[in-house]
Amino acid sequence: MGEERELVVDLVIIIMAAAGGGLLASALRLPTVLGYLVAGLIVENYVPGLEIDVSRLQDIAELGVALLLFTLGVKFSVRKLADISRVAVLGGGLQILMTIGLGLLVGLALGLDVRASLVLGYAVALSSTMVVLKLLEERGEMDAVHARVALGILLVQDLAVVLMVILIGSTAGQTGLSLALEIGFALGKAFLLLAGTYLLSTWIVPWFLVRVARTGSRELFLLAVLSIALGLAGGSFALGLSIAFGAFLAGLVVSESEYSHQTLAEVVPLRDVFATIFFVAMGMLIEPDVLIDEPGRVAAITATVVIGKLLLIWVIVAAFGFRWRTALFVGLGLAQMGEFSFVLSQTALDEGVVSADVHSAILMSALLSILLTPILGFAPRLIPRLSRLAFLDRLLSEPEPTVEGPSEELRRHAVVCGHGSIGRELVRVLKNRGFPFIVVELDPYRTNELKKANIPWIYGDATNDSVLEACRVRDARIIAVTLSEPVAAEAVVRRAKEMNPGVDIIVRGEGSQERIALMKAGAEEVVHPELEAGLEFVRHTLQRFGVDSTQTRLLLNRRRRDFYGP
């Protein structure tokens, strides 16, 4: 009971520290990830009287890594990754090998032995999926070409972690044939996991998600999605592979289903909580005294990551036919060490491959490189100015290629939230007239109707930002909110207006108070279904009594003005 209570207290402290660090970073217009890392460093080293078990927190934080890779897999389906597979696999592999070589040279120059220098190369070769993904999301660049290339390379790096862990273990004793057999065995297990994932995505997961969605329970849907994500992550771990590898495969499975957008809506908040714990735990592992004891070593490692790695990735990506500016953006995004660099360094310390002071230097360099990432992130804004220089004009001023995809066709379109009786009538007219539109629907039975009628649709909760982004609300002409729940309708209006202040919104509302709230939220017009139905009864009845159609129209317009306002 005592240990459980201590864990709860530790979590409370960590979450409070994360909130404070995140608020400070946000006030300074820095990524909140940096605030979490610094919060962990301060809690561990500069708050007297606190004794937090970091190892237990790391176990919990592993869920953050798994959920992050899962959502990454959901967002980047196999079809989206197909066009950058060559640069991701071959370019990513080449980047890893060349960066390991660079780290090896730097380690030897710093006086480390070959084994410790190789570990340094492994750590430097990896970038932070969590940091890069957070920055891309905050800047709204997830669909950009450089973002897709960077994330493809990151996936190859995450897969390489398995091999790196084996190689670190081999330096502690295994050589020759035994090492080759262990590597081959690991690759065989990875192939086995891939085969199982293919069967799941083809036969089991689609059938399973349809039946869970039909229950109408959001809790069951979330539990089902987490079962898929953590189940495959656990299976990967049981096979001796990376948890991240299995979680990413689970995301790819869900990405091919029609429930991917709602999956993101449900999982992302949970992912962010566990990811926050992960970053605070990583910050707690950093020893700040290493800056005083080993300043030259830390500076050399940090420069290798930020400068050497950036230049290598820039050249490698450009060599695969991408524009130099795109390649530069990829290099700027990946010029840091990653979360798995912490894992590899800790493994090497446990195996006796690196000393404690080298381990501390690697962790501090990782933190510094991550701290520099948002500063490098501002570099793309300077590109237009740099391109004015004659010798850089051809190199940097080329326009970005357009990212092709189904969503690119939606421009100046209508977004219909809900395909009930009201939404169905609107959709019928839009389709017959040939106007561009897309429907957001959470009811799986209605989505089946939409699919059979060949109507563009997205399964998801329209109150969620990720679902609205998928509908390209920023480019929409009009949004029709036909939802019957007043709280949900108001939430959709507010979030849509935040994304696109100029969009025209018509919304279903009940009662005068609700109408006022919806108008304040940003709706241009509020329609009261019961009032409109009542007015139709009035029109029909007056016609039967012989009242002139003009008088009837004036009466109805007066009533609408009295109810809705001028």
Protein backbone atom coordinates (compact mmCIF):
# COMPACT_ATOMS: atom_id res chain seq x y z
CA MET A 1 0.00 0.00 0.00
CA GLY A 2 2.89 2.32 0.80
CA GLU A 3 4.46 1.93 -2.63
CA GLU A 4 1.15 2.67 -4.37
CA ARG A 5 0.72 5.81 -2.28
CA GLU A 6 4.26 6.92 -3.11
CA LEU A 7 3.60 6.39 -6.82
CA VAL A 8 0.43 8.49 -6.64
CA VAL A 9 2.31 11.29 -4.85
CA ASP A 10 5.10 11.12 -7.45
CA LEU A 11 2.60 11.38 -10.29
CA VAL A 12 0.89 14.37 -8.66
CA ILE A 13 4.24 16.15 -8.30
CA ILE A 14 5.25 15.32 -11.88
CA ILE A 15 1.95 16.51 -13.37
CA MET A 16 2.05 19.76 -11.37
CA ALA A 17 5.66 20.36 -12.43
CA ALA A 18 4.75 19.62 -16.04
CA ALA A 19 1.86 22.09 -15.90
CA GLY A 20 4.15 24.80 -14.54
CA GLY A 21 6.90 24.10 -17.06
CA GLY A 22 4.43 23.92 -19.91
CA LEU A 23 2.82 27.24 -18.96
CA LEU A 24 6.22 28.93 -18.75
CA ALA A 25 7.32 27.55 -22.11
CA SER A 26 4.02 28.62 -23.65
CA ALA A 27 4.42 32.14 -22.24
CA LEU A 28 7.89 32.28 -23.82
CA ARG A 29 6.40 30.96 -27.11
CA LEU A 30 8.49 27.81 -26.94
CA PRO A 31 7.24 24.23 -27.45
CA THR A 32 5.74 22.86 -24.25
CA VAL A 33 7.99 19.79 -24.59
CA LEU A 34 10.94 21.93 -23.53
CA GLY A 35 9.04 23.06 -20.46
CA TYR A 36 8.42 19.44 -19.47
CA LEU A 37 12.11 18.52 -19.81
CA VAL A 38 13.29 21.49 -17.79
CA ALA A 39 10.59 20.85 -15.17
CA GLY A 40 11.91 17.31 -14.68
CA LEU A 41 15.49 18.57 -14.40
CA ILE A 42 14.51 21.14 -11.75
CA VAL A 43 12.35 18.72 -9.71
CA GLU A 44 15.11 16.13 -9.57
CA ASN A 45 18.07 18.42 -8.89
CA TYR A 46 16.89 21.68 -7.33
CA VAL A 47 13.85 20.91 -5.15
CA PRO A 48 15.04 19.76 -1.68
CA GLY A 49 13.27 16.96 0.14
CA LEU A 50 11.80 15.23 -2.91
CA GLU A 51 12.67 11.60 -3.55
CA ILE A 52 10.95 10.39 -6.70
CA ASP A 53 11.49 6.91 -8.14
CA VAL A 54 12.33 7.73 -11.77
CA SER A 55 12.39 4.08 -12.83
CA ARG A 56 8.71 3.62 -11.94
CA LEU A 57 7.80 6.79 -13.79
CA GLN A 58 9.70 5.54 -16.86
CA ASP A 59 7.56 2.41 -16.91
CA ILE A 60 4.42 4.56 -17.00
CA ALA A 61 5.96 6.93 -19.52
CA GLU A 62 6.49 4.05 -21.96
CA LEU A 63 2.75 4.31 -22.62
CA GLY A 64 3.33 7.82 -23.93
CA VAL A 65 5.89 6.56 -26.44
CA ALA A 66 3.56 3.74 -27.52
CA LEU A 67 0.54 6.02 -27.94
CA LEU A 68 2.58 8.61 -29.81
CA LEU A 69 3.80 6.05 -32.35
CA PHE A 70 0.27 4.66 -32.58
CA THR A 71 -1.22 8.04 -33.50
CA LEU A 72 1.65 8.57 -35.92
CA GLY A 73 0.72 5.33 -37.65
CA VAL A 74 -2.95 6.35 -37.79
CA LYS A 75 -2.13 9.69 -39.41
CA PHE A 76 0.35 8.33 -41.94
CA SER A 77 -1.19 5.39 -43.71
CA VAL A 78 0.69 3.05 -46.05
CA ARG A 79 -0.70 4.92 -49.05
CA LYS A 80 0.60 8.26 -47.75
CA LEU A 81 4.04 6.83 -47.02
CA ALA A 82 4.35 5.02 -50.35
CA ASP A 83 5.64 8.01 -52.28
CA ILE A 84 8.48 8.70 -49.80
CA SER A 85 9.37 5.06 -49.04
CA ARG A 86 12.58 5.24 -51.07
CA VAL A 87 14.04 8.24 -49.26
CA ALA A 88 12.71 6.96 -45.93
CA VAL A 89 14.24 3.48 -46.17
CA LEU A 90 17.38 4.06 -48.25
CA GLY A 91 17.97 7.66 -47.22
CA GLY A 92 17.14 6.96 -43.60
CA GLY A 93 19.44 3.95 -43.54
CA LEU A 94 22.24 5.95 -45.14
CA GLN A 95 21.71 8.77 -42.65
CA ILE A 96 21.96 6.35 -39.72
CA LEU A 97 25.18 4.76 -41.00
CA MET A 98 26.86 8.08 -41.82
CA THR A 99 25.82 9.68 -38.53
CA ILE A 100 27.11 6.66 -36.58
CA GLY A 101 30.41 7.07 -38.43
CA LEU A 102 30.50 10.77 -37.56
CA GLY A 103 29.75 10.01 -33.91
CA LEU A 104 32.46 7.35 -33.88
CA LEU A 105 35.05 9.87 -35.13
CA VAL A 106 33.97 12.51 -32.62
CA GLY A 107 34.03 9.97 -29.77
CA LEU A 108 37.54 8.84 -30.65
CA ALA A 109 38.64 12.49 -30.85
CA LEU A 110 37.23 13.03 -27.35
CA GLY A 111 39.33 10.17 -26.00
CA LEU A 112 36.59 7.51 -25.78
CA ASP A 113 37.27 3.91 -26.71
CA VAL A 114 35.70 2.32 -29.79
CA ARG A 115 32.77 0.76 -27.91
CA ALA A 116 31.78 4.02 -26.17
CA SER A 117 32.28 5.96 -29.42
CA LEU A 118 29.90 3.60 -31.23
CA VAL A 119 27.27 4.16 -28.54
CA LEU A 120 27.72 7.90 -29.03
CA GLY A 121 27.16 7.37 -32.76
CA TYR A 122 23.99 5.38 -32.10
CA ALA A 123 22.61 8.11 -29.83
CA VAL A 124 23.48 10.91 -32.25
CA ALA A 125 21.92 9.05 -35.21
CA LEU A 126 18.44 9.09 -33.65
CA SER A 127 16.07 12.06 -33.64
CA SER A 128 13.07 12.74 -31.45
CA THR A 129 9.77 11.57 -32.94
CA MET A 130 7.85 13.18 -30.08
CA VAL A 131 9.52 16.59 -30.43
CA VAL A 132 9.31 16.67 -34.23
CA LEU A 133 5.69 15.53 -34.24
CA LYS A 134 4.71 18.14 -31.63
CA LEU A 135 6.40 20.95 -33.57
CA LEU A 136 4.84 19.91 -36.88
CA GLU A 137 1.40 19.75 -35.28
CA GLU A 138 1.79 23.16 -33.65
CA ARG A 139 2.88 24.72 -36.97
CA GLY A 140 0.17 22.93 -38.97
CA GLU A 141 2.69 21.29 -41.33
CA MET A 142 1.71 17.64 -41.00
CA ASP A 143 0.77 17.36 -44.69
CA ALA A 144 3.85 19.17 -46.00
CA VAL A 145 6.39 17.24 -48.09
CA HIS A 146 9.27 17.90 -45.70
CA ALA A 147 7.11 16.69 -42.79
CA ARG A 148 6.32 13.39 -44.51
CA VAL A 149 9.97 12.82 -45.44
CA ALA A 150 11.12 13.64 -41.89
CA LEU A 151 8.55 11.31 -40.32
CA GLY A 152 9.46 8.54 -42.76
CA ILE A 153 13.12 8.80 -41.73
CA LEU A 154 12.10 8.89 -38.07
CA LEU A 155 10.25 5.60 -38.50
CA VAL A 156 13.36 3.98 -39.95
CA GLN A 157 15.35 5.32 -37.01
CA ASP A 158 12.83 3.84 -34.55
CA LEU A 159 13.10 0.46 -36.28
CA ALA A 160 16.90 0.67 -36.11
CA VAL A 161 16.72 0.96 -32.31
CA VAL A 162 16.16 -2.81 -32.07
CA LEU A 163 19.38 -3.54 -33.93
CA MET A 164 21.30 -0.92 -31.95
CA VAL A 165 20.27 -2.47 -28.63
CA ILE A 166 21.51 -5.86 -29.87
CA LEU A 167 24.80 -4.32 -30.99
CA ILE A 168 25.31 -2.62 -27.63
CA GLY A 169 24.80 -5.98 -25.93
CA SER A 170 27.26 -7.57 -28.34
CA THR A 171 30.00 -5.14 -27.38
CA ALA A 172 29.66 -6.48 -23.85
CA GLY A 173 30.56 -10.01 -24.88
CA GLN A 174 29.06 -11.41 -28.10
CA THR A 175 31.02 -11.46 -31.32
CA GLY A 176 31.11 -13.13 -34.70
CA LEU A 177 28.62 -15.93 -35.39
CA SER A 178 26.62 -15.49 -32.18
CA LEU A 179 26.04 -11.82 -33.00
CA ALA A 180 24.97 -12.63 -36.56
CA LEU A 181 22.55 -15.29 -35.30
CA GLU A 182 21.00 -12.90 -32.78
CA ILE A 183 20.50 -10.20 -35.45
CA GLY A 184 18.95 -12.74 -37.81
CA PHE A 185 16.67 -13.97 -35.04
CA ALA A 186 15.50 -10.40 -34.34
CA LEU A 187 14.74 -9.83 -38.03
CA GLY A 188 12.77 -13.08 -38.14
CA LYS A 189 10.65 -11.97 -35.20
CA ALA A 190 10.01 -8.63 -36.91
CA PHE A 191 8.82 -10.47 -40.03
CA LEU A 192 6.53 -12.62 -37.87
CA LEU A 193 5.02 -9.51 -36.28
CA LEU A 194 4.49 -7.93 -39.70
CA ALA A 195 2.68 -11.04 -40.96
CA GLY A 196 0.41 -11.06 -37.91
CA THR A 197 -0.30 -7.35 -38.37
CA TYR A 198 -1.32 -7.94 -41.99
CA LEU A 199 -3.82 -10.59 -40.92
CA LEU A 200 -5.24 -8.27 -38.27
CA SER A 201 -5.66 -5.38 -40.70
CA THR A 202 -7.29 -7.59 -43.34
CA TRP A 203 -9.66 -9.79 -41.36
CA ILE A 204 -10.03 -8.96 -37.68
CA VAL A 205 -9.69 -5.22 -36.96
CA PRO A 206 -12.24 -3.91 -39.53
CA TRP A 207 -14.86 -6.43 -38.35
CA PHE A 208 -14.08 -5.62 -34.71
CA LEU A 209 -14.25 -1.81 -35.04
CA VAL A 210 -17.54 -1.88 -36.95
CA ARG A 211 -19.23 -3.83 -34.18
CA VAL A 212 -17.79 -1.67 -31.43
CA ALA A 213 -18.84 1.52 -33.22
CA ARG A 214 -22.38 0.23 -33.59
CA THR A 215 -22.76 0.12 -29.81
CA GLY A 216 -22.68 3.93 -29.84
CA SER A 217 -20.44 3.96 -26.75
CA ARG A 218 -17.41 6.26 -26.94
CA GLU A 219 -15.89 4.54 -23.89
CA LEU A 220 -16.03 1.14 -25.59
CA PHE A 221 -14.58 2.61 -28.78
CA LEU A 222 -11.65 4.10 -26.85
CA LEU A 223 -11.04 0.83 -25.00
CA ALA A 224 -11.15 -1.10 -28.27
CA VAL A 225 -8.63 1.21 -29.92
CA LEU A 226 -6.30 1.07 -26.89
CA SER A 227 -6.56 -2.73 -26.92
CA ILE A 228 -5.34 -2.79 -30.52
CA ALA A 229 -2.54 -0.28 -29.89
CA LEU A 230 -1.22 -1.71 -26.63
CA GLY A 231 -1.85 -5.30 -27.71
CA LEU A 232 0.46 -5.02 -30.71
CA ALA A 233 2.96 -2.95 -28.69
CA GLY A 234 2.98 -5.67 -26.01
CA GLY A 235 3.34 -8.35 -28.67
CA SER A 236 6.32 -6.54 -30.11
CA PHE A 237 7.89 -6.26 -26.65
CA ALA A 238 7.25 -9.94 -25.94
CA LEU A 239 9.15 -10.80 -29.12
CA GLY A 240 12.09 -8.73 -27.92
CA LEU A 241 11.39 -5.89 -30.35
CA SER A 242 10.67 -2.19 -29.77
CA ILE A 243 7.36 -1.21 -28.18
CA ALA A 244 7.30 1.71 -30.60
CA PHE A 245 7.51 -0.67 -33.56
CA GLY A 246 4.40 -2.59 -32.50
CA ALA A 247 2.46 0.56 -31.63
CA PHE A 248 3.24 2.09 -35.00
CA LEU A 249 2.08 -1.07 -36.79
CA ALA A 250 -1.17 -0.89 -34.82
CA GLY A 251 -1.65 2.67 -36.00
CA LEU A 252 -1.16 1.63 -39.61
CA VAL A 253 -3.82 -1.07 -39.14
CA VAL A 254 -6.39 1.47 -37.90
CA SER A 255 -5.39 4.08 -40.51
CA GLU A 256 -6.74 1.86 -43.28
CA SER A 257 -10.19 1.73 -41.66
CA GLU A 258 -12.99 4.27 -41.87
CA TYR A 259 -12.67 5.07 -38.15
CA SER A 260 -9.20 6.65 -38.22
CA HIS A 261 -10.34 10.23 -37.57
CA GLN A 262 -12.48 9.32 -34.58
CA THR A 263 -9.60 7.18 -33.29
CA LEU A 264 -7.37 10.25 -33.21
CA ALA A 265 -10.10 12.27 -31.53
CA GLU A 266 -10.33 9.74 -28.69
CA VAL A 267 -6.66 8.79 -28.23
CA VAL A 268 -4.78 12.09 -28.61
CA PRO A 269 -5.74 13.56 -25.18
CA LEU A 270 -4.67 10.33 -23.45
CA ARG A 271 -1.47 10.25 -25.49
CA ASP A 272 -0.57 13.79 -24.48
CA VAL A 273 -0.89 13.02 -20.76
CA PHE A 274 1.45 10.01 -20.87
CA ALA A 275 3.84 11.77 -23.24
CA THR A 276 4.10 14.60 -20.72
CA ILE A 277 5.11 12.14 -17.99
CA PHE A 278 7.72 10.69 -20.34
CA PHE A 279 9.39 14.04 -20.97
CA VAL A 280 9.43 14.99 -17.30
CA ALA A 281 10.98 11.60 -16.46
CA MET A 282 13.64 12.15 -19.15
CA GLY A 283 14.42 15.57 -17.69
CA MET A 284 14.91 14.00 -14.28
CA LEU A 285 17.70 11.79 -15.66
CA ILE A 286 19.85 14.77 -16.66
CA GLU A 287 22.74 15.81 -14.39
CA PRO A 288 23.31 19.58 -14.80
CA ASP A 289 26.75 19.40 -13.12
CA VAL A 290 28.14 17.84 -16.31
CA LEU A 291 28.11 21.32 -17.90
CA ILE A 292 30.73 22.37 -15.35
CA ASP A 293 32.69 19.12 -15.26
CA GLU A 294 32.72 18.31 -19.00
CA PRO A 295 31.87 21.49 -20.99
CA GLY A 296 34.08 20.62 -23.97
CA ARG A 297 32.64 17.12 -24.33
CA VAL A 298 29.04 18.38 -24.13
CA ALA A 299 29.73 21.16 -26.64
CA ALA A 300 31.38 18.75 -29.10
CA ILE A 301 28.51 16.23 -28.94
CA THR A 302 25.88 18.96 -29.26
CA ALA A 303 27.65 20.48 -32.28
CA THR A 304 27.86 17.04 -33.90
CA VAL A 305 24.10 16.66 -33.57
CA VAL A 306 22.99 20.16 -34.53
CA ILE A 307 25.52 20.98 -37.26
CA GLY A 308 26.97 17.70 -38.52
CA LYS A 309 23.71 15.78 -38.54
CA LEU A 310 21.81 18.67 -40.12
CA LEU A 311 24.29 18.90 -43.01
CA LEU A 312 24.31 15.13 -43.57
CA ILE A 313 20.51 14.92 -43.75
CA TRP A 314 20.32 17.99 -46.00
CA VAL A 315 22.69 16.45 -48.54
CA ILE A 316 21.19 12.94 -48.34
CA VAL A 317 17.57 14.07 -48.86
CA ALA A 318 18.60 16.36 -51.72
CA ALA A 319 20.47 13.45 -53.32
CA PHE A 320 17.15 11.57 -53.56
CA GLY A 321 15.71 14.21 -55.87
CA PHE A 322 14.00 16.53 -53.41
CA ARG A 323 14.42 20.29 -53.65
CA TRP A 324 17.26 21.72 -51.66
CA ARG A 325 14.85 23.82 -49.63
CA THR A 326 12.75 20.78 -48.73
CA ALA A 327 15.92 18.88 -47.80
CA LEU A 328 17.03 21.78 -45.60
CA PHE A 329 13.69 21.78 -43.77
CA VAL A 330 14.06 18.04 -43.13
CA GLY A 331 17.57 18.57 -41.75
CA LEU A 332 16.42 21.41 -39.49
CA GLY A 333 13.61 19.26 -38.14
CA LEU A 334 15.81 16.24 -37.35
CA ALA A 335 18.83 18.09 -35.91
CA GLN A 336 18.42 16.79 -32.36
CA MET A 337 18.79 13.58 -30.36
CA GLY A 338 15.68 11.59 -29.52
CA GLU A 339 13.91 9.82 -26.72
CA PHE A 340 15.50 6.51 -27.71
CA SER A 341 18.94 8.12 -27.38
CA PHE A 342 18.18 8.20 -23.64
CA VAL A 343 17.25 4.53 -23.77
CA LEU A 344 20.40 3.49 -25.68
CA SER A 345 22.68 5.47 -23.39
CA GLN A 346 21.05 3.92 -20.31
CA THR A 347 21.41 0.45 -21.81
CA ALA A 348 25.09 1.07 -22.54
CA LEU A 349 25.60 2.30 -18.96
CA ASP A 350 23.92 -0.83 -17.56
CA GLU A 351 26.11 -3.04 -19.78
CA GLY A 352 29.27 -1.21 -18.66
CA VAL A 353 30.00 0.02 -22.20
CA VAL A 354 30.02 3.72 -21.21
CA SER A 355 30.94 5.42 -17.96
CA ALA A 356 28.59 7.53 -15.85
CA ASP A 357 30.21 10.80 -16.95
CA VAL A 358 29.86 9.90 -20.66
CA HIS A 359 26.24 8.92 -20.02
CA SER A 360 25.56 12.29 -18.37
CA ALA A 361 27.25 14.14 -21.24
CA ILE A 362 25.05 12.35 -23.79
CA LEU A 363 21.88 13.18 -21.85
CA MET A 364 22.81 16.84 -21.43
CA SER A 365 23.69 17.11 -25.13
CA ALA A 366 20.34 15.54 -25.98
CA LEU A 367 18.57 18.16 -23.88
CA LEU A 368 20.53 21.03 -25.44
CA SER A 369 19.84 19.78 -28.96
CA ILE A 370 16.13 19.55 -28.17
CA LEU A 371 16.22 23.06 -26.69
CA LEU A 372 17.74 24.31 -29.96
CA THR A 373 15.09 22.59 -32.09
CA PRO A 374 12.45 25.36 -31.85
CA ILE A 375 15.11 27.96 -32.62
CA LEU A 376 16.04 26.02 -35.76
CA GLY A 377 12.31 25.77 -36.44
CA PHE A 378 12.24 29.52 -37.06
CA ALA A 379 14.82 29.14 -39.85
CA PRO A 380 12.23 28.37 -42.57
CA ARG A 381 10.74 31.83 -41.97
CA LEU A 382 14.13 33.34 -42.90
CA ILE A 383 14.33 31.43 -46.19
CA PRO A 384 12.59 34.13 -48.29
CA ARG A 385 15.12 36.71 -47.04
CA LEU A 386 18.09 34.41 -47.57
CA SER A 387 16.90 33.58 -51.07
CA ARG A 388 17.41 37.23 -52.05
CA LEU A 389 21.14 36.58 -51.98
CA ALA A 390 22.19 35.74 -55.52
CA PHE A 391 24.22 32.63 -54.66
CA LEU A 392 21.32 31.19 -52.62
CA ASP A 393 18.49 32.11 -54.94
CA ARG A 394 18.54 28.93 -56.98
CA LEU A 395 19.18 26.81 -53.91
CA LEU A 396 16.46 28.06 -51.60
CA SER A 397 13.78 29.98 -53.48
CA GLU A 398 12.09 27.12 -55.33
CA PRO A 399 8.42 26.68 -54.41
CA GLU A 400 7.35 23.68 -52.41
CA PRO A 401 5.70 20.94 -54.46
CA THR A 402 1.99 20.51 -53.94
CA VAL A 403 1.00 17.55 -51.78
CA GLU A 404 -1.58 15.52 -53.68
CA GLY A 405 -4.44 13.73 -51.90
CA PRO A 406 -8.21 13.40 -51.78
CA SER A 407 -8.57 16.27 -49.31
CA GLU A 408 -6.81 18.67 -51.69
CA GLU A 409 -9.92 18.68 -53.90
CA LEU A 410 -12.00 20.40 -51.20
CA ARG A 411 -11.96 24.15 -51.80
CA ARG A 412 -14.76 26.63 -51.00
CA HIS A 413 -16.92 23.69 -50.05
CA ALA A 414 -19.71 22.97 -47.57
CA VAL A 415 -19.16 20.93 -44.41
CA VAL A 416 -22.34 19.21 -43.23
CA CYS A 417 -22.10 18.11 -39.59
CA GLY A 418 -24.60 15.31 -39.11
CA HIS A 419 -26.55 13.23 -41.64
CA GLY A 420 -29.89 13.03 -39.86
CA SER A 421 -33.19 14.15 -41.34
CA ILE A 422 -32.04 17.78 -41.74
CA GLY A 423 -28.55 17.01 -43.00
CA ARG A 424 -29.88 14.41 -45.44
CA GLU A 425 -32.09 16.96 -47.21
CA LEU A 426 -29.23 19.43 -47.50
CA VAL A 427 -26.85 16.78 -48.81
CA ARG A 428 -29.38 15.68 -51.44
CA VAL A 429 -29.62 19.20 -52.87
CA LEU A 430 -25.86 19.81 -52.74
CA LYS A 431 -25.21 16.56 -54.57
CA ASN A 432 -27.84 17.22 -57.25
CA ARG A 433 -26.50 20.72 -57.83
CA GLY A 434 -22.90 19.51 -58.03
CA PHE A 435 -21.57 21.72 -55.23
CA PRO A 436 -18.48 20.46 -53.34
CA PHE A 437 -19.23 19.20 -49.83
CA ILE A 438 -18.26 16.67 -47.18
CA VAL A 439 -20.32 15.11 -44.37
CA VAL A 440 -19.13 14.47 -40.79
CA GLU A 441 -21.02 11.67 -39.09
CA LEU A 442 -20.48 9.70 -35.88
CA ASP A 443 -23.25 7.13 -36.40
CA PRO A 444 -21.80 4.01 -38.14
CA TYR A 445 -25.17 3.10 -39.61
CA ARG A 446 -25.45 6.48 -41.29
CA THR A 447 -21.89 6.24 -42.55
CA ASN A 448 -22.84 2.98 -44.25
CA GLU A 449 -25.64 4.88 -46.01
CA LEU A 450 -23.20 7.55 -47.09
CA LYS A 451 -20.76 4.96 -48.38
CA LYS A 452 -23.43 3.19 -50.44
CA ALA A 453 -24.65 6.51 -51.86
CA ASN A 454 -21.08 7.46 -52.85
CA ILE A 455 -21.24 10.63 -50.74
CA PRO A 456 -17.95 12.08 -49.38
CA TRP A 457 -17.86 11.61 -45.61
CA ILE A 458 -15.66 11.34 -42.54
CA TYR A 459 -16.42 9.21 -39.49
CA GLY A 460 -15.79 11.25 -36.36
CA ASP A 461 -16.96 13.71 -33.73
CA ALA A 462 -17.33 17.17 -35.30
CA THR A 463 -16.51 18.82 -31.96
CA ASN A 464 -12.93 17.56 -32.23
CA ASP A 465 -10.26 19.71 -33.87
CA SER A 466 -8.58 16.83 -35.70
CA VAL A 467 -11.87 15.85 -37.35
CA LEU A 468 -12.55 19.45 -38.42
CA GLU A 469 -9.02 19.70 -39.80
CA ALA A 470 -9.65 16.56 -41.87
CA CYS A 471 -12.72 18.30 -43.37
CA ARG A 472 -10.51 21.23 -44.39
CA VAL A 473 -12.61 23.73 -42.44
CA ARG A 474 -10.00 26.40 -43.09
CA ASP A 475 -10.90 26.30 -46.80
CA ALA A 476 -14.68 25.86 -46.40
CA ARG A 477 -17.31 28.29 -47.70
CA ILE A 478 -20.09 27.26 -45.32
CA ILE A 479 -20.60 24.91 -42.38
CA ALA A 480 -24.05 23.47 -41.66
CA VAL A 481 -24.30 22.18 -38.08
CA THR A 482 -27.39 19.97 -37.94
CA LEU A 483 -26.54 18.30 -34.62
CA SER A 484 -29.39 18.04 -32.12
CA GLU A 485 -27.19 18.33 -29.00
CA PRO A 486 -26.88 22.06 -28.12
CA VAL A 487 -23.54 21.74 -26.31
CA ALA A 488 -21.99 19.85 -29.21
CA ALA A 489 -23.41 22.32 -31.75
CA GLU A 490 -21.98 25.31 -29.87
CA ALA A 491 -18.59 23.57 -29.57
CA VAL A 492 -18.49 22.96 -33.33
CA VAL A 493 -19.34 26.62 -34.04
CA ARG A 494 -16.65 27.94 -31.69
CA ARG A 495 -13.88 25.64 -32.96
CA ALA A 496 -14.78 26.15 -36.61
CA LYS A 497 -14.70 29.93 -36.15
CA GLU A 498 -11.29 29.69 -34.47
CA MET A 499 -9.95 27.76 -37.47
CA ASN A 500 -11.67 29.90 -40.10
CA PRO A 501 -13.06 33.24 -38.85
CA GLY A 502 -14.52 34.04 -42.27
CA VAL A 503 -16.57 30.87 -42.73
CA ASP A 504 -20.37 31.16 -42.86
CA ILE A 505 -22.05 28.93 -40.25
CA ILE A 506 -25.70 27.91 -40.14
CA VAL A 507 -26.67 25.87 -37.11
CA ARG A 508 -29.67 24.09 -35.68
CA GLY A 509 -30.84 25.58 -32.39
CA GLU A 510 -33.63 25.15 -29.85
CA GLY A 511 -35.09 28.09 -27.93
CA SER A 512 -34.14 31.75 -27.63
CA GLN A 513 -31.37 31.27 -25.03
CA GLU A 514 -29.68 28.66 -27.16
CA ARG A 515 -30.00 30.89 -30.21
CA ILE A 516 -28.29 33.76 -28.37
CA ALA A 517 -25.45 31.47 -27.24
CA LEU A 518 -24.93 30.14 -30.77
CA MET A 519 -24.90 33.63 -32.27
CA LYS A 520 -22.32 34.73 -29.70
CA ALA A 521 -20.26 31.65 -30.57
CA GLY A 522 -20.08 32.83 -34.18
CA ALA A 523 -23.08 31.42 -36.07
CA GLU A 524 -24.43 33.61 -38.89
CA GLU A 525 -27.86 31.97 -38.81
CA VAL A 526 -29.68 29.76 -36.30
CA VAL A 527 -32.54 27.59 -37.51
CA HIS A 528 -35.22 26.38 -35.07
CA PRO A 529 -36.58 23.11 -36.53
CA GLU A 530 -39.79 23.11 -34.52
CA LEU A 531 -40.52 26.75 -35.36
CA GLU A 532 -39.93 26.13 -39.08
CA ALA A 533 -42.14 23.04 -38.97
CA GLY A 534 -44.84 25.04 -37.17
CA LEU A 535 -44.65 27.81 -39.77
CA GLU A 536 -45.13 25.27 -42.53
CA PHE A 537 -48.29 24.10 -40.77
CA VAL A 538 -49.41 27.74 -40.59
CA ARG A 539 -48.75 28.30 -44.31
CA HIS A 540 -50.65 25.17 -45.35
CA THR A 541 -53.62 25.92 -43.04
CA LEU A 542 -53.94 29.57 -44.14
CA GLN A 543 -53.88 28.52 -47.78
CA ARG A 544 -56.82 26.17 -47.11
CA PHE A 545 -58.74 29.07 -45.58
CA GLY A 546 -58.12 31.09 -48.74
CA VAL A 547 -55.63 33.60 -47.35
CA ASP A 548 -53.59 35.29 -50.08
CA SER A 549 -50.07 33.84 -50.51
CA THR A 550 -48.48 37.32 -50.21
CA GLN A 551 -50.22 37.96 -46.88
CA THR A 552 -49.19 34.51 -45.69
CA ARG A 553 -45.56 35.17 -46.63
CA LEU A 554 -45.56 38.52 -44.81
CA LEU A 555 -47.05 36.89 -41.71
CA LEU A 556 -44.42 34.14 -41.70
CA ASN A 557 -41.57 36.60 -42.22
CA ARG A 558 -42.85 38.75 -39.34
CA ARG A 559 -42.94 35.74 -37.05
CA ARG A 560 -39.40 34.74 -38.03
CA ARG A 561 -38.18 38.28 -37.38
CA ASP A 562 -39.84 38.33 -33.95
CA PHE A 563 -38.29 34.97 -33.03
CA TYR A 564 -34.82 35.19 -34.61
CA GLY A 565 -34.34 38.94 -34.42
CA PRO A 566 -33.57 41.32 -37.31
